[in-house]
Amino acid sequence: MSVKLMMYWDIKPGRDQDYFEFVVREWVPGITRLGIQTTGAWYTVWGRTEGPQIMAEAVIDDLSTAQQILKSSEWLDLHVKLLDYVNNYKQKVVRVTGGFQI
């Protein structure tokens, strides 16, 4: 059964341009190579008082594969690079239910 990787973060102040370049050039291609299929991403531009600035979700074939990916050195390298650009990173893995999930 497929699982969904839910990720949340805020872009560090003054790092917007560098962040977006990293996401396009390294993050998305890197997680795709790992077998993580991005299914959605939301960027809150206006009206944010609580909650993350970025919410992203991706699907992975099954829980066992997700666990292997999230323990891999490739994931850890990408994750460390992402943390150069973001604060308040959180993630969780949930069962895919077919509807909107948070």
C-alpha atoms as a PDB file:
ATOM      1  CA  MET A   1       0.000   0.000   0.000  1.00  0.00           C
ATOM      2  CA  SER A   2       1.311   3.432  -0.954  1.00  0.00           C
ATOM      3  CA  VAL A   3       2.270   5.933   1.723  1.00  0.00           C
ATOM      4  CA  LYS A   4       2.419   9.702   1.637  1.00  0.00           C
ATOM      5  CA  LEU A   5       5.366  11.716   2.896  1.00  0.00           C
ATOM      6  CA  MET A   6       4.059  15.002   4.301  1.00  0.00           C
ATOM      7  CA  MET A   7       6.664  17.757   4.753  1.00  0.00           C
ATOM      8  CA  TYR A   8       6.349  21.234   6.264  1.00  0.00           C
ATOM      9  CA  TRP A   9       8.824  24.124   6.603  1.00  0.00           C
ATOM     10  CA  ASP A  10       9.481  27.853   6.518  1.00  0.00           C
ATOM     11  CA  ILE A  11      12.012  29.507   4.217  1.00  0.00           C
ATOM     12  CA  LYS A  12      14.764  31.256   6.156  1.00  0.00           C
ATOM     13  CA  PRO A  13      14.513  35.061   5.958  1.00  0.00           C
ATOM     14  CA  GLY A  14      16.494  36.452   3.034  1.00  0.00           C
ATOM     15  CA  ARG A  15      17.020  33.003   1.459  1.00  0.00           C
ATOM     16  CA  ASP A  16      13.999  32.915  -0.886  1.00  0.00           C
ATOM     17  CA  GLN A  17      15.908  33.124  -4.187  1.00  0.00           C
ATOM     18  CA  ASP A  18      18.559  30.604  -3.121  1.00  0.00           C
ATOM     19  CA  TYR A  19      15.852  28.305  -1.740  1.00  0.00           C
ATOM     20  CA  PHE A  20      13.830  28.249  -4.968  1.00  0.00           C
ATOM     21  CA  GLU A  21      16.949  27.633  -7.056  1.00  0.00           C
ATOM     22  CA  PHE A  22      17.912  24.731  -4.787  1.00  0.00           C
ATOM     23  CA  VAL A  23      14.433  23.201  -4.939  1.00  0.00           C
ATOM     24  CA  VAL A  24      14.314  23.317  -8.748  1.00  0.00           C
ATOM     25  CA  ARG A  25      17.905  22.255  -9.406  1.00  0.00           C
ATOM     26  CA  GLU A  26      18.576  19.736  -6.625  1.00  0.00           C
ATOM     27  CA  TRP A  27      15.673  18.908  -4.283  1.00  0.00           C
ATOM     28  CA  VAL A  28      12.993  17.820  -6.756  1.00  0.00           C
ATOM     29  CA  PRO A  29      15.361  15.923  -9.097  1.00  0.00           C
ATOM     30  CA  GLY A  30      17.057  14.320  -6.083  1.00  0.00           C
ATOM     31  CA  ILE A  31      13.932  13.040  -4.368  1.00  0.00           C
ATOM     32  CA  THR A  32      12.573  11.855  -7.713  1.00  0.00           C
ATOM     33  CA  ARG A  33      15.726   9.758  -8.233  1.00  0.00           C
ATOM     34  CA  LEU A  34      15.125   8.222  -4.807  1.00  0.00           C
ATOM     35  CA  GLY A  35      11.651   7.020  -5.822  1.00  0.00           C
ATOM     36  CA  ILE A  36       9.641   9.782  -4.171  1.00  0.00           C
ATOM     37  CA  GLN A  37       6.871  11.075  -6.441  1.00  0.00           C
ATOM     38  CA  THR A  38       5.916  14.662  -5.609  1.00  0.00           C
ATOM     39  CA  THR A  39       2.133  15.089  -5.748  1.00  0.00           C
ATOM     40  CA  GLY A  40       1.655  18.598  -4.398  1.00  0.00           C
ATOM     41  CA  ALA A  41       3.268  21.628  -2.859  1.00  0.00           C
ATOM     42  CA  TRP A  42       1.712  24.753  -1.356  1.00  0.00           C
ATOM     43  CA  TYR A  43       3.446  28.067  -0.737  1.00  0.00           C
ATOM     44  CA  THR A  44       1.664  30.517   1.539  1.00  0.00           C
ATOM     45  CA  VAL A  45       2.376  34.023   0.290  1.00  0.00           C
ATOM     46  CA  TRP A  46      -0.245  36.089   2.065  1.00  0.00           C
ATOM     47  CA  GLY A  47      -2.229  35.882   5.282  1.00  0.00           C
ATOM     48  CA  ARG A  48       0.025  33.481   7.152  1.00  0.00           C
ATOM     49  CA  THR A  49      -0.178  33.890  10.915  1.00  0.00           C
ATOM     50  CA  GLU A  50       0.293  30.295  12.052  1.00  0.00           C
ATOM     51  CA  GLY A  51       1.442  27.154  10.372  1.00  0.00           C
ATOM     52  CA  PRO A  52       4.149  26.417   7.845  1.00  0.00           C
ATOM     53  CA  GLN A  53       5.004  28.567   4.859  1.00  0.00           C
ATOM     54  CA  ILE A  54       5.560  25.488   2.678  1.00  0.00           C
ATOM     55  CA  MET A  55       3.574  22.254   2.701  1.00  0.00           C
ATOM     56  CA  ALA A  56       4.625  19.477   0.338  1.00  0.00           C
ATOM     57  CA  GLU A  57       3.469  15.936  -0.181  1.00  0.00           C
ATOM     58  CA  ALA A  58       4.859  12.996  -2.075  1.00  0.00           C
ATOM     59  CA  VAL A  59       3.907   9.372  -2.601  1.00  0.00           C
ATOM     60  CA  ILE A  60       6.179   6.387  -2.035  1.00  0.00           C
ATOM     61  CA  ASP A  61       5.294   2.841  -3.119  1.00  0.00           C
ATOM     62  CA  ASP A  62       5.056   1.323   0.364  1.00  0.00           C
ATOM     63  CA  LEU A  63       6.095   1.812   3.986  1.00  0.00           C
ATOM     64  CA  SER A  64       9.153  -0.432   3.737  1.00  0.00           C
ATOM     65  CA  THR A  65      10.468   1.517   0.749  1.00  0.00           C
ATOM     66  CA  ALA A  66       9.754   4.819   2.538  1.00  0.00           C
ATOM     67  CA  GLN A  67      11.731   3.675   5.566  1.00  0.00           C
ATOM     68  CA  GLN A  68      14.673   2.633   3.376  1.00  0.00           C
ATOM     69  CA  ILE A  69      14.654   5.938   1.484  1.00  0.00           C
ATOM     70  CA  LEU A  70      14.435   8.063   4.634  1.00  0.00           C
ATOM     71  CA  LYS A  71      17.431   6.229   6.116  1.00  0.00           C
ATOM     72  CA  SER A  72      19.549   6.426   2.961  1.00  0.00           C
ATOM     73  CA  SER A  73      22.638   8.590   2.679  1.00  0.00           C
ATOM     74  CA  GLU A  74      21.201  10.202  -0.467  1.00  0.00           C
ATOM     75  CA  TRP A  75      18.108  11.374   1.457  1.00  0.00           C
ATOM     76  CA  LEU A  76      20.199  12.559   4.379  1.00  0.00           C
ATOM     77  CA  ASP A  77      22.463  14.576   2.055  1.00  0.00           C
ATOM     78  CA  LEU A  78      19.479  16.261   0.380  1.00  0.00           C
ATOM     79  CA  HIS A  79      17.817  16.881   3.725  1.00  0.00           C
ATOM     80  CA  VAL A  80      20.930  18.534   5.183  1.00  0.00           C
ATOM     81  CA  LYS A  81      21.142  20.794   2.117  1.00  0.00           C
ATOM     82  CA  LEU A  82      17.459  21.712   2.464  1.00  0.00           C
ATOM     83  CA  LEU A  83      18.048  22.698   6.088  1.00  0.00           C
ATOM     84  CA  ASP A  84      20.508  25.345   4.866  1.00  0.00           C
ATOM     85  CA  TYR A  85      17.506  27.167   3.396  1.00  0.00           C
ATOM     86  CA  VAL A  86      14.643  26.368   5.777  1.00  0.00           C
ATOM     87  CA  ASN A  87      13.566  26.441   9.429  1.00  0.00           C
ATOM     88  CA  ASN A  88      10.951  24.450  11.330  1.00  0.00           C
ATOM     89  CA  TYR A  89      11.167  21.352   9.116  1.00  0.00           C
ATOM     90  CA  LYS A  90       8.708  18.616  10.059  1.00  0.00           C
ATOM     91  CA  GLN A  91       7.700  15.439   8.280  1.00  0.00           C
ATOM     92  CA  LYS A  92       5.415  12.500   8.721  1.00  0.00           C
ATOM     93  CA  VAL A  93       4.531   9.388   6.769  1.00  0.00           C
ATOM     94  CA  VAL A  94       0.849   8.476   6.514  1.00  0.00           C
ATOM     95  CA  ARG A  95      -1.269   5.951   4.656  1.00  0.00           C
ATOM     96  CA  VAL A  96      -2.673   7.311   1.401  1.00  0.00           C
ATOM     97  CA  THR A  97      -6.408   7.802   1.880  1.00  0.00           C
ATOM     98  CA  GLY A  98      -7.207   9.331  -1.509  1.00  0.00           C
ATOM     99  CA  GLY A  99      -8.383  12.667  -0.093  1.00  0.00           C
ATOM    100  CA  PHE A 100      -6.706  15.842   1.076  1.00  0.00           C
ATOM    101  CA  GLN A 101      -4.456  15.058   4.032  1.00  0.00           C
ATOM    102  CA  ILE A 102      -2.636  17.257   6.561  1.00  0.00           C
END
